[in-house]
Every structure is written in C-alpha cells, then in structure tokens.
N, C-alpha and C. Protein backbone atom coordinates (compact mmCIF):
# COMPACT_ATOMS: atom_id res chain seq x y z
N MET A 1 0.93 -1.15 -0.10
CA MET A 1 0.05 0.03 0.02
C MET A 1 0.74 1.27 0.20
N PRO A 2 0.55 2.23 -1.01
CA PRO A 2 1.34 3.38 -0.93
C PRO A 2 1.27 4.20 0.30
N GLY A 3 2.62 4.78 0.72
CA GLY A 3 2.47 5.78 1.98
C GLY A 3 1.80 7.12 1.90
N VAL A 4 1.17 7.55 2.85
CA VAL A 4 0.15 8.53 2.80
C VAL A 4 1.03 9.93 2.06
N LEU A 5 2.23 9.79 2.00
CA LEU A 5 3.01 10.93 1.28
C LEU A 5 3.47 10.51 -0.17
N ALA A 6 2.97 9.57 -0.60
CA ALA A 6 3.30 9.04 -1.99
C ALA A 6 3.07 10.17 -2.97
N GLY A 7 4.03 10.49 -3.94
CA GLY A 7 4.19 11.57 -4.92
C GLY A 7 4.56 12.85 -4.43
N LYS A 8 4.55 13.14 -3.10
CA LYS A 8 5.15 14.46 -2.57
C LYS A 8 6.70 14.62 -2.48
N ARG A 9 7.11 15.82 -2.67
CA ARG A 9 8.41 16.00 -2.42
C ARG A 9 8.64 16.70 -1.34
N ALA A 10 9.80 16.49 -0.62
CA ALA A 10 10.25 17.29 0.82
C ALA A 10 11.77 17.69 0.70
N VAL A 11 11.99 18.59 1.61
CA VAL A 11 13.25 19.20 1.81
C VAL A 11 13.48 18.94 3.35
N VAL A 12 14.70 18.44 3.96
CA VAL A 12 14.96 18.53 5.18
C VAL A 12 16.23 19.14 5.58
N THR A 13 16.28 20.13 6.14
CA THR A 13 17.50 20.88 6.59
C THR A 13 18.28 20.00 7.80
N GLY A 14 19.61 19.91 7.74
CA GLY A 14 20.26 19.22 8.89
C GLY A 14 19.79 17.75 8.97
N GLY A 15 19.49 17.10 7.52
CA GLY A 15 19.09 15.79 7.49
C GLY A 15 20.01 14.74 7.62
N SER A 16 21.21 14.89 7.96
CA SER A 16 22.26 13.96 7.95
C SER A 16 22.53 13.12 9.32
N ARG A 17 21.81 13.53 10.31
CA ARG A 17 21.81 12.75 11.56
C ARG A 17 20.84 13.28 12.56
N GLY A 18 20.70 12.59 13.63
CA GLY A 18 19.97 12.78 14.78
C GLY A 18 18.46 12.86 14.27
N ILE A 19 17.71 13.76 14.96
CA ILE A 19 16.22 13.97 14.44
C ILE A 19 16.11 14.36 12.96
N GLY A 20 16.93 14.77 12.27
CA GLY A 20 16.88 15.11 10.92
C GLY A 20 16.80 13.80 10.13
N GLU A 21 17.77 13.12 10.30
CA GLU A 21 17.85 11.51 9.94
C GLU A 21 16.58 10.99 9.93
N ALA A 22 16.15 10.84 11.07
CA ALA A 22 15.12 10.15 11.53
C ALA A 22 13.78 10.69 10.66
N THR A 23 13.75 12.02 10.59
CA THR A 23 12.80 12.58 9.76
C THR A 23 12.89 12.17 8.30
N VAL A 24 13.95 12.31 7.68
CA VAL A 24 14.30 11.95 6.15
C VAL A 24 13.85 10.52 6.10
N LEU A 25 13.99 9.52 6.85
CA LEU A 25 13.77 8.13 6.67
C LEU A 25 12.18 8.03 6.83
N GLU A 26 11.72 8.89 7.77
CA GLU A 26 10.14 8.42 7.93
C GLU A 26 9.42 8.92 6.74
N LEU A 27 9.89 10.24 6.24
CA LEU A 27 9.36 10.99 5.13
C LEU A 27 9.46 9.93 3.74
N ALA A 28 10.58 9.16 3.72
CA ALA A 28 10.60 8.24 2.70
C ALA A 28 9.82 7.01 2.92
N ARG A 29 9.74 6.57 4.01
CA ARG A 29 8.90 5.56 4.23
C ARG A 29 7.42 5.69 3.93
N GLN A 30 6.97 6.96 4.07
CA GLN A 30 5.74 7.21 3.80
C GLN A 30 5.49 7.69 2.31
N GLY A 31 6.57 7.52 1.44
CA GLY A 31 6.36 7.64 0.04
C GLY A 31 6.85 8.90 -0.41
N ALA A 32 7.45 9.75 0.36
CA ALA A 32 7.93 11.19 -0.30
C ALA A 32 9.33 11.05 -0.63
N ASP A 33 9.63 12.03 -1.92
CA ASP A 33 11.03 12.08 -2.27
C ASP A 33 11.53 13.18 -1.36
N VAL A 34 12.83 12.82 -1.09
CA VAL A 34 13.41 13.67 -0.06
C VAL A 34 14.62 14.17 -0.28
N ALA A 35 14.98 15.54 -0.37
CA ALA A 35 16.14 16.25 -0.50
C ALA A 35 16.75 16.60 0.99
N LEU A 36 18.06 16.32 0.87
CA LEU A 36 18.60 16.57 2.36
C LEU A 36 19.56 17.81 2.22
N LEU A 37 19.47 18.87 2.95
CA LEU A 37 20.42 20.06 2.89
C LEU A 37 21.25 19.99 4.26
N VAL A 38 22.67 19.59 3.92
CA VAL A 38 23.42 19.53 4.94
C VAL A 38 24.71 20.42 4.85
N ASN A 39 25.34 20.56 6.00
CA ASN A 39 26.32 21.68 6.17
C ASN A 39 27.62 20.87 6.51
N VAL A 40 27.60 19.92 7.21
CA VAL A 40 28.84 19.40 7.75
C VAL A 40 29.48 18.24 6.75
N SER A 41 28.70 17.30 6.51
CA SER A 41 29.24 16.25 5.72
C SER A 41 28.12 15.85 4.47
N VAL A 42 28.53 16.17 3.31
CA VAL A 42 27.45 15.74 2.26
C VAL A 42 27.80 14.13 2.16
N GLU A 43 28.82 13.60 2.36
CA GLU A 43 29.01 12.02 2.40
C GLU A 43 28.04 11.51 3.35
N GLN A 44 27.97 12.04 4.65
CA GLN A 44 27.21 11.57 5.77
C GLN A 44 25.70 11.62 5.10
N GLY A 45 25.44 12.83 4.46
CA GLY A 45 23.87 13.10 4.11
C GLY A 45 23.73 12.09 2.88
N GLU A 46 24.41 11.57 2.14
CA GLU A 46 24.30 10.73 1.13
C GLU A 46 24.06 9.32 1.64
N GLU A 47 24.75 9.03 2.69
CA GLU A 47 24.50 7.73 3.08
C GLU A 47 23.04 7.72 3.78
N VAL A 48 22.56 8.80 4.25
CA VAL A 48 21.13 8.67 4.51
C VAL A 48 20.17 8.75 3.42
N ALA A 49 20.72 9.40 2.50
CA ALA A 49 19.68 9.55 1.08
C ALA A 49 19.65 8.11 0.54
N ARG A 50 20.72 7.30 0.63
CA ARG A 50 20.98 5.88 0.08
C ARG A 50 19.96 5.12 0.80
N ALA A 51 19.90 5.17 2.37
CA ALA A 51 18.96 4.47 3.19
C ALA A 51 17.40 4.84 2.83
N ALA A 52 17.39 6.08 2.37
CA ALA A 52 15.93 6.61 2.02
C ALA A 52 15.49 6.04 0.74
N ARG A 53 16.43 5.83 -0.18
CA ARG A 53 16.10 5.18 -1.41
C ARG A 53 15.77 3.75 -1.44
N GLU A 54 16.14 3.21 -0.30
CA GLU A 54 15.54 1.86 -0.19
C GLU A 54 14.26 1.48 0.08
N PHE A 55 13.38 2.76 0.11
CA PHE A 55 11.81 2.84 0.35
C PHE A 55 11.33 2.94 -0.96
N GLY A 56 12.10 3.01 -2.25
CA GLY A 56 11.78 3.17 -3.42
C GLY A 56 11.41 4.41 -3.83
N VAL A 57 11.93 5.58 -3.28
CA VAL A 57 11.66 6.94 -3.48
C VAL A 57 12.98 7.69 -4.03
N GLU A 58 12.91 8.77 -4.51
CA GLU A 58 14.10 9.47 -4.89
C GLU A 58 14.63 10.23 -3.54
N SER A 59 15.90 10.37 -3.46
CA SER A 59 16.62 11.10 -2.42
C SER A 59 17.94 11.51 -2.82
N PHE A 60 18.41 12.80 -2.30
CA PHE A 60 19.82 13.11 -2.69
C PHE A 60 20.07 14.07 -1.29
N ALA A 61 21.64 14.31 -1.42
CA ALA A 61 21.89 15.37 -0.33
C ALA A 61 22.72 16.44 -1.14
N THR A 62 22.76 17.54 -0.59
CA THR A 62 23.21 18.58 -1.12
C THR A 62 24.01 19.47 0.04
N GLN A 63 25.07 20.30 -0.54
CA GLN A 63 25.66 20.96 0.61
C GLN A 63 24.89 22.44 0.63
N CYS A 64 24.49 22.78 1.93
CA CYS A 64 23.88 24.07 2.28
C CYS A 64 24.12 24.62 3.65
N ASP A 65 24.61 25.85 3.63
CA ASP A 65 24.77 26.62 4.97
C ASP A 65 23.43 27.26 5.03
N VAL A 66 22.58 26.94 5.95
CA VAL A 66 21.40 27.80 6.11
C VAL A 66 21.36 29.15 6.63
N SER A 67 22.54 29.34 7.24
CA SER A 67 22.82 30.79 7.65
C SER A 67 23.17 31.60 6.41
N ASN A 68 23.48 31.15 5.47
CA ASN A 68 23.66 31.98 4.06
C ASN A 68 22.60 31.98 3.18
N PRO A 69 21.89 33.09 3.03
CA PRO A 69 20.88 33.28 2.16
C PRO A 69 21.02 32.85 0.74
N ASP A 70 22.24 33.05 0.26
CA ASP A 70 22.61 32.82 -1.18
C ASP A 70 22.65 31.28 -1.34
N ALA A 71 23.33 30.57 -0.43
CA ALA A 71 23.47 29.21 -0.36
C ALA A 71 21.92 28.29 -0.32
N VAL A 72 21.03 28.97 0.58
CA VAL A 72 19.93 28.45 0.56
C VAL A 72 18.96 28.75 -0.66
N THR A 73 19.09 29.73 -1.24
CA THR A 73 18.54 29.97 -2.41
C THR A 73 19.25 28.88 -3.65
N ALA A 74 20.30 28.78 -3.73
CA ALA A 74 21.09 27.83 -4.76
C ALA A 74 20.54 26.50 -4.58
N ALA A 75 20.46 26.10 -3.22
CA ALA A 75 20.06 24.70 -2.71
C ALA A 75 18.67 24.49 -3.21
N PHE A 76 17.74 25.38 -3.02
CA PHE A 76 16.56 25.26 -3.39
C PHE A 76 16.15 25.17 -4.72
N GLU A 77 16.94 25.81 -5.73
CA GLU A 77 16.97 25.77 -6.98
C GLU A 77 17.51 24.49 -7.51
N GLN A 78 18.52 23.79 -6.79
CA GLN A 78 18.80 22.48 -7.09
C GLN A 78 17.58 21.52 -6.81
N VAL A 79 17.06 21.70 -5.72
CA VAL A 79 15.99 20.92 -5.45
C VAL A 79 14.78 20.80 -6.36
N ARG A 80 14.34 22.19 -7.02
CA ARG A 80 13.46 22.32 -7.90
C ARG A 80 13.66 21.59 -9.16
N GLU A 81 15.12 21.78 -9.65
CA GLU A 81 15.57 21.27 -10.60
C GLU A 81 15.20 19.70 -10.77
N ARG A 82 15.64 19.03 -9.52
CA ARG A 82 15.51 17.67 -9.31
C ARG A 82 14.07 17.16 -9.37
N PHE A 83 13.21 17.90 -8.37
CA PHE A 83 12.04 17.29 -8.22
C PHE A 83 10.67 18.19 -8.98
N GLY A 84 11.00 19.43 -9.43
CA GLY A 84 10.04 20.19 -10.12
C GLY A 84 9.23 20.93 -9.07
N SER A 85 8.74 20.55 -7.96
CA SER A 85 7.87 21.08 -6.96
C SER A 85 8.10 20.71 -5.65
N LEU A 86 7.54 21.21 -4.73
CA LEU A 86 8.01 21.06 -3.29
C LEU A 86 6.74 21.11 -2.42
N GLU A 87 6.33 20.18 -1.61
CA GLU A 87 5.18 20.36 -0.80
C GLU A 87 5.36 20.32 0.60
N VAL A 88 6.62 19.67 1.06
CA VAL A 88 7.04 19.67 2.28
C VAL A 88 8.30 20.36 2.72
N CYS A 89 8.41 21.09 3.65
CA CYS A 89 9.85 21.49 4.23
C CYS A 89 9.91 21.54 5.55
N VAL A 90 10.90 20.54 6.14
CA VAL A 90 11.20 20.43 7.65
C VAL A 90 12.46 21.25 7.93
N ASN A 91 12.52 22.51 8.69
CA ASN A 91 13.63 23.13 9.03
C ASN A 91 14.29 22.75 10.13
N ASN A 92 14.91 21.53 10.25
CA ASN A 92 15.55 21.11 11.34
C ASN A 92 16.97 21.60 11.80
N ALA A 93 17.35 22.46 10.82
CA ALA A 93 18.80 22.84 11.32
C ALA A 93 18.61 23.68 12.50
N GLY A 94 19.96 23.88 13.06
CA GLY A 94 19.97 24.56 14.38
C GLY A 94 19.49 26.07 14.79
N ILE A 95 19.03 26.36 15.90
CA ILE A 95 18.68 27.73 15.98
C ILE A 95 19.66 28.63 15.79
N VAL A 96 20.98 28.32 15.82
CA VAL A 96 22.02 29.41 15.79
C VAL A 96 21.84 29.60 14.12
N HIS A 97 21.95 28.69 13.38
CA HIS A 97 21.70 29.19 11.93
C HIS A 97 20.62 30.09 11.61
N ASN A 98 19.38 29.69 12.09
CA ASN A 98 18.05 30.31 11.76
C ASN A 98 18.39 31.93 12.45
N ALA A 99 18.97 31.92 13.61
CA ALA A 99 19.26 33.33 14.20
C ALA A 99 20.08 34.08 13.23
N ALA A 100 21.25 33.56 12.86
CA ALA A 100 22.14 34.14 12.03
C ALA A 100 21.57 34.67 10.64
N ALA A 101 20.56 33.82 10.23
CA ALA A 101 20.04 34.34 8.88
C ALA A 101 18.64 35.28 9.05
N GLY A 102 18.49 35.35 10.28
CA GLY A 102 17.02 36.18 10.55
C GLY A 102 15.73 35.53 9.94
N ALA A 103 15.80 34.02 10.22
CA ALA A 103 14.70 33.28 9.44
C ALA A 103 13.66 33.12 10.24
N ALA A 104 13.39 33.78 11.31
CA ALA A 104 12.05 33.49 12.19
C ALA A 104 11.86 34.70 12.99
N ASP A 105 10.52 35.05 13.20
CA ASP A 105 10.13 36.20 13.95
C ASP A 105 9.86 35.58 15.54
N ALA A 106 9.59 34.32 15.57
CA ALA A 106 9.53 33.78 17.05
C ALA A 106 10.03 32.22 16.97
N VAL A 107 10.29 31.66 18.21
CA VAL A 107 10.65 30.43 18.17
C VAL A 107 9.77 29.75 19.32
N SER A 108 9.40 28.32 19.01
CA SER A 108 8.52 27.79 19.92
C SER A 108 9.28 27.01 20.96
N LEU A 109 9.53 27.18 22.24
CA LEU A 109 10.24 26.59 23.17
C LEU A 109 9.45 25.34 23.55
N LYS A 110 10.27 24.28 23.34
CA LYS A 110 9.82 22.93 23.91
C LYS A 110 10.87 22.16 24.68
N LEU A 111 10.38 21.74 25.82
CA LEU A 111 11.47 20.82 26.59
C LEU A 111 12.01 19.56 25.82
N VAL A 112 11.22 18.79 25.21
CA VAL A 112 11.59 17.74 24.54
C VAL A 112 12.42 17.97 23.23
N LYS A 113 12.00 18.72 22.51
CA LYS A 113 12.81 19.25 21.42
C LYS A 113 14.12 19.90 21.71
N HIS A 114 14.30 20.58 22.73
CA HIS A 114 15.35 21.22 23.15
C HIS A 114 16.20 20.49 24.21
N ALA A 115 15.93 19.14 24.46
CA ALA A 115 16.78 18.37 25.12
C ALA A 115 16.77 18.77 26.50
N GLY A 116 15.71 19.10 27.17
CA GLY A 116 15.69 19.23 28.60
C GLY A 116 15.52 20.85 29.09
N LEU A 117 15.64 21.01 30.23
CA LEU A 117 15.49 22.31 30.93
C LEU A 117 16.54 23.14 30.55
N LEU A 118 17.88 22.77 30.56
CA LEU A 118 18.83 23.50 30.17
C LEU A 118 19.06 23.75 28.81
N GLY A 119 18.82 22.76 27.94
CA GLY A 119 18.72 23.06 26.60
C GLY A 119 17.84 24.12 26.08
N LEU A 120 16.45 24.01 26.84
CA LEU A 120 15.44 25.10 26.50
C LEU A 120 15.99 26.28 26.66
N LYS A 121 16.85 26.66 27.87
CA LYS A 121 17.32 27.92 28.22
C LYS A 121 18.50 28.25 27.33
N ARG A 122 19.32 27.28 26.53
CA ARG A 122 20.12 27.75 25.76
C ARG A 122 19.53 28.30 24.59
N VAL A 123 18.60 27.51 23.98
CA VAL A 123 17.92 27.81 22.81
C VAL A 123 17.22 29.29 22.99
N ALA A 124 16.62 29.60 24.13
CA ALA A 124 16.00 30.69 24.24
C ALA A 124 17.06 32.01 24.40
N ALA A 125 18.29 31.64 24.87
CA ALA A 125 19.34 32.62 24.94
C ALA A 125 19.66 32.98 23.56
N VAL A 126 20.01 32.08 22.66
CA VAL A 126 20.32 32.16 21.45
C VAL A 126 19.38 33.31 20.55
N ALA A 127 18.16 32.72 20.75
CA ALA A 127 16.97 33.47 20.02
C ALA A 127 16.80 34.86 20.64
N GLU A 128 16.93 35.03 21.74
CA GLU A 128 16.91 36.31 22.45
C GLU A 128 18.09 37.29 21.96
N ALA A 129 18.99 36.75 21.90
CA ALA A 129 20.33 37.66 21.41
C ALA A 129 20.19 38.00 19.97
N ALA A 130 19.39 37.13 19.21
CA ALA A 130 19.22 37.54 17.81
C ALA A 130 17.98 38.20 17.59
N GLY A 131 17.28 38.60 18.65
CA GLY A 131 15.94 39.49 18.69
C GLY A 131 14.81 38.62 18.19
N ILE A 132 14.82 37.30 18.30
CA ILE A 132 13.67 36.30 17.89
C ILE A 132 12.85 36.39 19.03
N GLY A 133 11.76 36.58 18.89
CA GLY A 133 10.58 36.38 20.00
C GLY A 133 10.47 34.99 20.59
N LEU A 134 10.08 34.86 21.87
CA LEU A 134 9.94 33.63 22.36
C LEU A 134 8.60 33.31 22.71
N TYR A 135 8.16 32.06 22.34
CA TYR A 135 6.83 31.51 22.51
C TYR A 135 6.79 30.11 23.13
N GLY A 136 5.94 30.11 24.23
CA GLY A 136 5.90 28.88 25.25
C GLY A 136 5.16 27.66 24.72
N GLY A 137 5.91 27.01 23.72
CA GLY A 137 5.16 25.89 22.92
C GLY A 137 4.86 24.70 24.22
N CYS A 138 4.06 23.73 23.54
CA CYS A 138 3.72 22.69 24.24
C CYS A 138 3.43 21.29 23.41
N LEU A 139 3.46 20.30 23.94
CA LEU A 139 3.01 19.06 23.40
C LEU A 139 2.05 18.14 24.05
N LEU A 140 1.06 19.08 24.51
CA LEU A 140 -0.23 18.49 25.48
C LEU A 140 0.31 17.59 26.51
N GLU A 141 1.21 18.21 27.22
CA GLU A 141 1.63 17.42 28.30
C GLU A 141 0.79 17.37 29.64
N SER A 142 0.99 16.20 30.48
CA SER A 142 0.16 16.34 31.81
C SER A 142 0.78 17.69 32.55
N SER A 143 0.36 17.62 33.89
CA SER A 143 0.62 18.74 34.71
C SER A 143 2.01 18.59 35.18
N VAL A 144 3.01 17.54 34.98
CA VAL A 144 4.11 17.38 35.19
C VAL A 144 4.86 18.14 34.21
N GLY A 145 4.81 17.54 32.82
CA GLY A 145 5.28 18.31 31.68
C GLY A 145 5.14 19.79 31.75
N ALA A 146 3.87 20.21 31.98
CA ALA A 146 3.71 21.77 31.96
C ALA A 146 4.16 22.49 33.05
N ALA A 147 4.47 21.80 34.18
CA ALA A 147 4.92 22.43 35.36
C ALA A 147 6.52 22.62 35.01
N ALA A 148 7.19 21.69 34.40
CA ALA A 148 8.56 21.75 33.91
C ALA A 148 8.66 22.87 32.90
N HIS A 149 7.89 23.12 32.05
CA HIS A 149 7.84 24.21 31.07
C HIS A 149 7.81 25.49 31.84
N LEU A 150 6.79 25.45 32.72
CA LEU A 150 6.63 26.76 33.46
C LEU A 150 7.74 27.17 34.35
N GLN A 151 8.40 26.32 34.88
CA GLN A 151 9.59 26.74 35.72
C GLN A 151 10.52 27.43 34.83
N VAL A 152 10.92 26.95 33.64
CA VAL A 152 11.84 27.40 32.87
C VAL A 152 11.41 28.74 32.26
N PHE A 153 10.16 28.74 31.82
CA PHE A 153 9.56 29.94 31.34
C PHE A 153 9.48 31.15 32.47
N ALA A 154 9.48 30.93 33.73
CA ALA A 154 9.39 31.91 34.59
C ALA A 154 11.02 32.53 34.78
N THR A 155 11.92 31.86 34.19
CA THR A 155 13.28 32.49 34.24
C THR A 155 13.62 33.24 33.12
N LEU A 156 12.60 33.31 32.17
CA LEU A 156 13.02 34.06 30.83
C LEU A 156 12.85 35.54 31.05
N ARG A 157 13.47 36.57 30.47
CA ARG A 157 13.15 37.88 30.67
C ARG A 157 11.92 38.16 29.78
N ASP A 158 11.53 37.71 28.77
CA ASP A 158 10.39 38.22 28.16
C ASP A 158 9.96 37.16 27.18
N LEU A 159 8.64 36.47 27.61
CA LEU A 159 8.09 35.43 26.85
C LEU A 159 6.93 36.32 26.20
N ALA A 160 7.50 37.09 24.98
CA ALA A 160 6.69 38.02 24.28
C ALA A 160 5.42 37.39 23.65
N TRP A 161 5.42 36.01 23.34
CA TRP A 161 4.42 35.54 22.27
C TRP A 161 3.45 34.76 23.25
N GLY A 162 3.77 34.58 24.45
CA GLY A 162 3.05 34.07 25.70
C GLY A 162 3.29 32.45 25.37
N CYS A 163 2.01 31.82 25.84
CA CYS A 163 2.24 30.23 25.79
C CYS A 163 0.74 29.68 25.83
N GLU A 164 0.61 28.39 25.63
CA GLU A 164 -0.78 27.79 25.52
C GLU A 164 -0.68 26.44 26.13
N HIS A 165 -0.30 26.22 27.44
CA HIS A 165 -0.04 25.00 27.95
C HIS A 165 -1.58 24.54 28.69
N PHE A 166 -2.13 23.98 27.87
CA PHE A 166 -3.69 23.73 27.88
C PHE A 166 -3.71 22.24 28.12
N GLY A 167 -2.56 21.34 28.04
CA GLY A 167 -2.65 19.93 27.98
C GLY A 167 -3.55 19.23 29.32
N PRO A 168 -3.09 19.90 30.39
CA PRO A 168 -3.82 19.39 31.82
C PRO A 168 -5.25 19.51 31.53
N GLN A 169 -5.81 20.38 31.01
CA GLN A 169 -7.32 20.61 30.90
C GLN A 169 -8.01 19.59 30.00
N ILE A 170 -7.25 19.01 28.89
CA ILE A 170 -7.89 18.15 27.78
C ILE A 170 -7.78 16.72 28.32
N LEU A 171 -6.85 16.42 29.15
CA LEU A 171 -6.47 14.95 29.57
C LEU A 171 -7.60 14.42 30.41
N VAL A 172 -7.90 13.25 30.31
CA VAL A 172 -9.11 12.69 31.20
C VAL A 172 -8.30 12.36 32.34
N GLY A 173 -7.12 12.23 32.73
CA GLY A 173 -6.70 12.03 33.97
C GLY A 173 -5.23 12.61 34.05
N ASP A 174 -4.61 12.70 35.30
CA ASP A 174 -3.36 13.40 35.57
C ASP A 174 -2.67 12.54 36.49
N LEU A 175 -1.33 12.93 36.74
CA LEU A 175 -0.39 12.14 37.81
C LEU A 175 -0.11 13.04 38.84
N VAL A 176 -0.50 14.04 39.22
CA VAL A 176 -0.45 14.92 40.31
C VAL A 176 -1.63 14.99 41.51
N THR A 177 -1.13 15.18 42.78
CA THR A 177 -2.01 15.24 43.72
C THR A 177 -3.02 16.42 43.73
N GLU A 178 -2.39 17.54 43.23
CA GLU A 178 -2.99 19.07 43.16
C GLU A 178 -2.86 19.48 41.46
N PRO A 179 -4.06 19.63 40.82
CA PRO A 179 -3.93 20.18 39.53
C PRO A 179 -3.25 21.58 39.41
N LEU A 180 -2.66 21.82 38.23
CA LEU A 180 -2.30 23.36 37.96
C LEU A 180 -3.39 24.00 38.10
N ARG A 181 -3.34 25.42 38.33
CA ARG A 181 -4.37 26.30 38.47
C ARG A 181 -4.34 27.19 37.14
N PHE A 182 -5.62 27.15 36.75
CA PHE A 182 -5.89 28.03 35.41
C PHE A 182 -6.98 28.97 35.93
N ALA A 183 -6.70 30.32 35.61
CA ALA A 183 -7.63 31.15 36.33
C ALA A 183 -7.47 32.59 35.45
N ASP A 184 -8.51 33.24 35.14
CA ASP A 184 -8.39 34.56 34.33
C ASP A 184 -7.59 34.42 33.15
N PHE A 185 -7.63 33.49 32.39
CA PHE A 185 -6.81 33.20 31.36
C PHE A 185 -5.34 33.04 31.48
N ASP A 186 -4.94 32.59 32.66
CA ASP A 186 -3.60 32.49 32.93
C ASP A 186 -3.34 31.24 33.68
N LEU A 187 -2.23 30.52 33.23
CA LEU A 187 -1.72 29.41 33.91
C LEU A 187 -0.79 29.71 35.02
N HIS A 188 -1.21 29.46 36.24
CA HIS A 188 -0.39 29.88 37.49
C HIS A 188 0.81 28.80 37.71
N LEU A 189 2.02 29.55 38.04
CA LEU A 189 3.29 29.07 38.29
C LEU A 189 3.22 28.09 39.74
N PRO A 190 3.33 26.81 39.81
CA PRO A 190 3.01 26.03 41.08
C PRO A 190 4.43 26.52 41.92
N THR A 191 4.30 26.46 43.19
CA THR A 191 5.18 27.00 44.15
C THR A 191 5.76 26.03 45.02
N GLY A 192 5.45 24.74 44.75
CA GLY A 192 5.84 23.78 45.57
C GLY A 192 7.41 23.39 45.27
N PRO A 193 8.12 22.72 45.94
CA PRO A 193 9.53 22.14 45.74
C PRO A 193 9.79 21.47 44.41
N GLY A 194 10.98 21.59 43.84
CA GLY A 194 11.13 20.83 42.71
C GLY A 194 10.41 21.66 41.48
N LEU A 195 9.60 20.87 40.82
CA LEU A 195 8.91 21.34 39.63
C LEU A 195 7.68 22.01 40.19
N GLY A 196 7.40 21.91 41.29
CA GLY A 196 6.20 22.69 41.94
C GLY A 196 4.97 21.79 42.06
N VAL A 197 4.98 20.57 41.67
CA VAL A 197 3.78 19.59 41.79
C VAL A 197 4.38 18.24 42.36
N THR A 198 3.36 17.51 43.12
CA THR A 198 3.67 16.34 43.75
C THR A 198 2.97 15.21 43.03
N LEU A 199 3.82 14.06 42.60
CA LEU A 199 3.28 13.02 41.93
C LEU A 199 2.13 12.14 42.83
N ASP A 200 1.32 11.61 42.33
CA ASP A 200 0.21 10.80 43.30
C ASP A 200 0.68 9.50 42.91
N PRO A 201 0.94 8.65 43.93
CA PRO A 201 1.63 7.16 43.76
C PRO A 201 0.46 6.31 43.24
N ASP A 202 -0.79 6.55 43.74
CA ASP A 202 -1.81 5.92 43.14
C ASP A 202 -2.38 5.97 41.72
N ARG A 203 -2.20 7.27 41.34
CA ARG A 203 -2.29 7.45 39.89
C ARG A 203 -1.20 6.91 38.98
N MET A 204 0.02 7.13 39.52
CA MET A 204 1.19 6.51 38.79
C MET A 204 0.99 4.99 38.54
N ARG A 205 0.48 4.16 39.73
CA ARG A 205 0.40 2.92 39.54
C ARG A 205 -0.88 2.56 38.54
N ALA A 206 -1.79 3.35 38.47
CA ALA A 206 -3.01 3.16 37.71
C ALA A 206 -2.65 3.22 36.21
N TYR A 207 -1.84 4.16 35.99
CA TYR A 207 -1.30 4.46 34.56
C TYR A 207 -0.30 3.55 34.11
N ALA A 208 0.32 3.03 34.98
CA ALA A 208 1.67 2.31 34.61
C ALA A 208 1.34 1.21 33.72
N ARG A 209 2.12 0.69 32.79
CA ARG A 209 2.01 -0.65 31.90
C ARG A 209 2.20 -1.64 32.53
N SER A 210 1.45 -2.70 32.42
CA SER A 210 1.75 -4.19 32.92
C SER A 210 2.80 -4.72 32.21
C-alpha cells in the first residue's frame, strides 16, 4: 500500500543525523521523495539518502549553509531542478543558523525538542540575542510536563508570544495530587519544591503499563 506521502516532495535541513535523519527516513517510508540540505558532511548526508532510496523513493543530499541566504537559494534551485515542485519543508537545522539568517520572528520553546530544561534555556538565549521572540510551546503534556515548562519560562526575561499549556485541561486523568491552577486566562506557576507539583503514587500505579 502506498504511503500517505506518495508522490510528494520534501526537503529537510540538517538531515544527515539525529532527528533530521529520522525525519528523512520516515518521510521516505511514507512515500515522499526527500532532499537533504547538509552543512557538515555531504558524504554522511548521502548515506542517509541511500537508506531513504531503499523505500523506493528519490533522495539526494546537497551542501547548504542555512545561515547563508545565497546558499539556501541555490540549494532550493537544485531541489526544484530535481523534483520540479515541493510540498514539504522541515527546517531541522539548529537555532543558531536560523538566528544568524534572521529566518524567524519567533521560536517555539519545547523541553523535549530542546533536550531538557537547560537545553531550552540555551535555545532561548540564542533566540533572544538574535532578537527572535519567544513562545512557550507545548506538546499537550500532563501537569508534570507543563509544570517543568513553566519553571523554565518563569526564568526568561520576556515571553513576548505567550504560551498555551492547556494539556492538563484536556486529558482525562493526571499524575499529580493537586492540578495546576488555570484562572483569568492565565496558567499559574506552581510554588512547591522541585517542579512545584507532587506525584500521586496511586495514579502512577493506575497508569503504569503492566
């Protein structure tokens, strides 16, 4: 059965390793032709492209420093020559390159994507130094994940784009003894020790996989 992206064309920046590599292979598995824009090693990118082609799609890697607007233009011209059109663009390259290129007005801060509390702080610092606005992103976490985000957000100078941590309000259950407080269109910072919330052992056992 064809994948859900059969016949589509995609480009992935930073596609030669880590999350970028996984993204390329999943796009290919779903049937998309994929171009990799890589800055460190075209050879490494081509290895990923070869793995992608095993899914029966077209894939290639090309050199591109996404902090250089001319290089980006040239790379996308190459993609258009090979693919003819483009339906999917995954900007996986680091925030440092995006900042240097002035490629965004805001960055969505997420613990999982930025590798934890300190990683999120580092991304926020780079964005702030480049004049990029900060937005408190979410992945529909429970109160535990939301509380962790809030503790980091509370240390930032200016979360100009606000946040939307409504995950605890739409889940049918939670893992804490006291829910986070939502009032007057604000999510209030919990003030207990650690992340500010206390895990409920009974609920932890109830949701544990057997």
